[in-house]
Amino acid sequence: MSADEQHHHPVAPAAASASARPHRKERQPVLSRARIVAAALRLLDAEGMEALSMRKLGAEMGAAATSLYRHVTGKDEVIELVLDEVCGELVVPAADAPGDWREAVSHSGHNLRAMTLRHPWVASVLGQVGPAHLGPNLMRMSERMLALFQTAGFPASEAAPAMTAVVSYVVGATSGEAAHLSRIARGGQSERNPRALRDENFDYGLQRILDGLQARLAHA
């Protein structure tokens, strides 16, 4: 082979350095606070509070746990955000006249119970959220429920404690119920007959709380 031929001989493609080729980066999921909340809600509903960690949440989303911290400060904030998200499901009816308050509060209590049974982990955290950590949906629910007692005619000093009494009953009565249903579901079983009895027992307790509040209102 002449010097000319050697000089113009093309370099075989295989001879090109592999390191010169651009590396294809693994596609990372696009993260946002809303997507993190949605993934955390799925995880909490499926596996409960004990399953939630930033590492587990990142794995569920196909992302490094450290990347989640660009959008949330940590697990506590995630829980607060998800709690507020599910509180958006709550419907608190208005009481247009003082005499309507009891039925409206009763509906609110049943709605809160239904939401908690849809998301059993809620019962373990709802009573622990302080006023400084109320999100917009939880704040709206609290304000609407408080308005029911104010419309009823409870004095300003008693409206908030009256609301707290109802919410405390609902959360307390529902927490054991939610835990029981979670155990059944995770065991691959389904409840057969007691639902109507559970509904009846819950309503009995709620109505007795309202009896006491109604008697208190009559003497206020």
Protein backbone atom coordinates (compact mmCIF):
# COMPACT_ATOMS: atom_id res chain seq x y z
CA MET A 1 0.00 0.00 0.00
CA SER A 2 1.46 3.39 -1.03
CA ALA A 3 1.93 6.30 1.35
CA ASP A 4 -0.90 8.04 -0.50
CA GLU A 5 -3.21 5.08 0.04
CA GLN A 6 -2.28 4.90 3.72
CA HIS A 7 -2.98 8.61 4.13
CA HIS A 8 -6.43 8.49 2.53
CA HIS A 9 -7.56 5.12 3.95
CA PRO A 10 -10.86 5.73 5.82
CA VAL A 11 -11.01 4.99 9.52
CA ALA A 12 -13.39 2.09 10.22
CA PRO A 13 -16.44 3.04 12.31
CA ALA A 14 -15.51 0.44 14.89
CA ALA A 15 -12.28 2.28 15.47
CA ALA A 16 -14.08 5.40 16.68
CA SER A 17 -13.74 5.86 20.40
CA ALA A 18 -16.84 4.83 22.35
CA SER A 19 -16.06 7.50 24.88
CA ALA A 20 -16.50 10.16 22.19
CA ARG A 21 -20.17 9.24 21.76
CA PRO A 22 -22.66 11.12 23.91
CA HIS A 23 -24.09 9.04 26.74
CA ARG A 24 -27.87 8.77 26.81
CA LYS A 25 -29.11 9.84 30.22
CA GLU A 26 -31.83 7.84 31.89
CA ARG A 27 -35.08 9.71 31.64
CA GLN A 28 -36.11 10.94 35.05
CA PRO A 29 -39.78 11.50 35.88
CA VAL A 30 -40.97 15.07 35.83
CA LEU A 31 -41.62 15.89 39.47
CA SER A 32 -43.96 18.44 40.92
CA ARG A 33 -45.62 18.92 44.27
CA ALA A 34 -48.97 17.78 42.82
CA ARG A 35 -47.47 14.54 41.44
CA ILE A 36 -45.72 13.83 44.73
CA VAL A 37 -49.00 14.32 46.61
CA ALA A 38 -50.86 12.02 44.21
CA ALA A 39 -48.21 9.29 44.55
CA ALA A 40 -48.16 9.63 48.35
CA LEU A 41 -51.96 9.33 48.45
CA ARG A 42 -51.84 6.09 46.44
CA LEU A 43 -49.15 4.72 48.75
CA LEU A 44 -50.97 5.71 51.94
CA ASP A 45 -54.30 4.29 50.77
CA ALA A 46 -52.69 1.02 49.71
CA GLU A 47 -50.20 0.42 52.51
CA GLY A 48 -50.92 2.82 55.37
CA MET A 49 -48.95 5.43 57.27
CA GLU A 50 -46.22 3.04 58.35
CA ALA A 51 -45.25 2.45 54.71
CA LEU A 52 -44.61 6.10 53.90
CA SER A 53 -41.02 7.29 53.71
CA MET A 54 -39.27 9.61 51.32
CA ARG A 55 -37.21 6.69 50.02
CA LYS A 56 -40.28 4.53 49.41
CA LEU A 57 -42.12 7.44 47.82
CA GLY A 58 -39.19 8.15 45.51
CA ALA A 59 -39.02 4.49 44.52
CA GLU A 60 -42.74 4.48 43.73
CA MET A 61 -42.20 7.46 41.43
CA GLY A 62 -39.01 6.12 39.87
CA ALA A 63 -36.97 8.99 41.28
CA ALA A 64 -34.27 9.47 43.86
CA ALA A 65 -35.56 10.47 47.27
CA THR A 66 -33.22 13.46 47.24
CA SER A 67 -34.94 14.86 44.15
CA LEU A 68 -38.24 15.07 46.07
CA TYR A 69 -36.74 17.61 48.44
CA ARG A 70 -36.74 20.21 45.69
CA HIS A 71 -40.54 20.27 45.98
CA VAL A 72 -41.32 19.34 49.61
CA THR A 73 -39.39 19.75 52.84
CA GLY A 74 -39.91 16.17 53.99
CA LYS A 75 -42.33 13.49 55.10
CA ASP A 76 -44.24 15.73 57.53
CA GLU A 77 -45.06 18.25 54.81
CA VAL A 78 -46.09 15.44 52.44
CA ILE A 79 -48.56 14.16 55.05
CA GLU A 80 -49.99 17.64 55.59
CA LEU A 81 -50.40 18.15 51.84
CA VAL A 82 -52.06 14.77 51.30
CA LEU A 83 -54.36 15.30 54.27
CA ASP A 84 -55.46 18.61 52.84
CA GLU A 85 -55.97 16.98 49.44
CA VAL A 86 -58.41 14.40 50.80
CA CYS A 87 -60.19 17.05 52.88
CA GLY A 88 -61.16 18.55 49.54
CA GLU A 89 -63.57 15.60 49.24
CA LEU A 90 -65.57 16.78 52.24
CA VAL A 91 -68.94 18.43 51.81
CA VAL A 92 -70.14 20.61 54.69
CA PRO A 93 -73.72 21.74 54.02
CA ALA A 94 -74.81 25.21 54.96
CA ALA A 95 -77.42 25.95 57.63
CA ASP A 96 -79.67 28.68 56.27
CA ALA A 97 -81.62 29.05 59.52
CA PRO A 98 -80.83 28.37 63.20
CA GLY A 99 -83.11 25.33 63.23
CA ASP A 100 -81.16 23.65 60.42
CA TRP A 101 -77.88 23.36 62.30
CA ARG A 102 -78.35 19.88 63.76
CA GLU A 103 -79.10 18.15 60.46
CA ALA A 104 -76.24 20.00 58.77
CA VAL A 105 -73.76 19.01 61.51
CA SER A 106 -75.01 15.42 61.35
CA HIS A 107 -74.42 15.31 57.59
CA SER A 108 -70.96 16.81 58.10
CA GLY A 109 -70.09 14.16 60.67
CA HIS A 110 -71.20 11.35 58.38
CA ASN A 111 -69.26 12.88 55.48
CA LEU A 112 -66.11 13.12 57.59
CA ARG A 113 -66.49 9.49 58.63
CA ALA A 114 -67.00 8.36 55.01
CA MET A 115 -63.87 10.22 53.89
CA THR A 116 -61.86 8.67 56.73
CA LEU A 117 -63.01 5.17 55.81
CA ARG A 118 -61.99 5.79 52.19
CA HIS A 119 -58.55 6.83 53.45
CA PRO A 120 -58.02 4.89 56.71
CA TRP A 121 -54.66 6.53 57.51
CA VAL A 122 -56.46 9.89 57.95
CA ALA A 123 -57.78 8.97 61.41
CA SER A 124 -54.25 8.66 62.79
CA VAL A 125 -53.22 12.18 61.74
CA LEU A 126 -56.36 14.31 61.60
CA GLY A 127 -56.39 15.04 65.33
CA GLN A 128 -52.66 15.86 65.34
CA VAL A 129 -52.75 18.73 62.84
CA GLY A 130 -52.43 22.05 64.64
CA PRO A 131 -53.93 25.34 63.43
CA ALA A 132 -50.56 26.48 62.04
CA HIS A 133 -50.57 23.57 59.59
CA LEU A 134 -54.10 23.79 58.23
CA GLY A 135 -54.15 23.71 54.44
CA PRO A 136 -56.80 25.54 52.42
CA ASN A 137 -59.23 22.61 52.21
CA LEU A 138 -58.95 21.75 55.89
CA MET A 139 -59.28 25.41 56.80
CA ARG A 140 -62.38 25.71 54.61
CA MET A 141 -63.95 22.66 56.23
CA SER A 142 -63.25 24.03 59.71
CA GLU A 143 -64.66 27.45 58.86
CA ARG A 144 -67.83 25.99 57.34
CA MET A 145 -68.43 23.70 60.31
CA LEU A 146 -67.80 26.54 62.74
CA ALA A 147 -70.35 28.63 60.84
CA LEU A 148 -72.97 25.93 61.52
CA PHE A 149 -72.60 26.39 65.26
CA GLN A 150 -72.52 30.14 64.98
CA THR A 151 -75.73 30.09 62.92
CA ALA A 152 -77.29 27.82 65.54
CA GLY A 153 -76.76 30.56 68.13
CA PHE A 154 -73.90 29.14 70.21
CA PRO A 155 -72.02 31.93 72.00
CA ALA A 156 -68.69 32.89 70.45
CA SER A 157 -66.85 31.22 73.33
CA GLU A 158 -68.66 27.90 72.77
CA ALA A 159 -68.97 27.55 68.98
CA ALA A 160 -65.41 26.28 68.48
CA PRO A 161 -65.49 23.83 71.43
CA ALA A 162 -68.84 22.50 70.19
CA MET A 163 -67.34 21.87 66.75
CA THR A 164 -64.29 20.21 68.33
CA ALA A 165 -66.54 17.90 70.34
CA VAL A 166 -68.23 16.65 67.17
CA VAL A 167 -65.01 16.25 65.20
CA SER A 168 -63.32 14.47 68.12
CA TYR A 169 -66.19 12.01 68.35
CA VAL A 170 -66.09 11.31 64.60
CA VAL A 171 -62.31 10.81 64.55
CA GLY A 172 -62.31 8.69 67.69
CA ALA A 173 -65.22 6.51 66.62
CA THR A 174 -63.84 6.04 63.12
CA SER A 175 -60.19 5.33 63.91
CA GLY A 176 -60.81 1.82 65.23
CA GLU A 177 -63.30 1.15 62.46
CA ALA A 178 -60.80 2.25 59.81
CA ALA A 179 -58.02 0.11 61.32
CA HIS A 180 -60.32 -2.91 61.36
CA LEU A 181 -61.31 -2.46 57.72
CA SER A 182 -57.66 -2.01 56.71
CA ARG A 183 -56.69 -5.29 58.37
CA ILE A 184 -59.49 -7.08 56.53
CA ALA A 185 -58.53 -5.58 53.17
CA ARG A 186 -54.82 -6.36 53.56
CA GLY A 187 -55.71 -9.92 54.45
CA GLY A 188 -57.48 -10.25 51.12
CA GLN A 189 -60.89 -10.52 52.78
CA SER A 190 -64.04 -8.47 52.49
CA GLU A 191 -66.59 -7.42 55.06
CA ARG A 192 -69.87 -9.30 54.81
CA ASN A 193 -72.72 -8.07 56.95
CA PRO A 194 -71.77 -5.59 59.73
CA ARG A 195 -71.70 -2.42 57.64
CA ALA A 196 -75.30 -1.48 58.45
CA LEU A 197 -74.63 -2.13 62.15
CA ARG A 198 -71.49 0.03 62.03
CA ASP A 199 -73.44 2.84 60.40
CA GLU A 200 -76.17 2.55 63.03
CA ASN A 201 -73.75 2.53 65.97
CA PHE A 202 -71.86 5.53 64.63
CA ASP A 203 -75.04 7.52 64.10
CA TYR A 204 -76.31 6.63 67.58
CA GLY A 205 -73.21 8.12 69.19
CA LEU A 206 -73.27 11.18 66.95
CA GLN A 207 -76.91 11.90 67.76
CA ARG A 208 -76.24 11.65 71.49
CA ILE A 209 -73.43 14.21 71.13
CA LEU A 210 -75.88 16.46 69.28
CA ASP A 211 -78.52 15.89 71.97
CA GLY A 212 -76.10 17.27 74.55
CA LEU A 213 -75.17 20.24 72.38
CA GLN A 214 -78.83 20.99 71.68
CA ALA A 215 -79.58 20.94 75.40
CA ARG A 216 -76.63 23.21 76.03
CA LEU A 217 -77.82 25.59 73.30
CA ALA A 218 -81.24 25.80 74.96
CA HIS A 219 -79.61 27.09 78.14
CA ALA A 220 -76.97 29.28 76.54
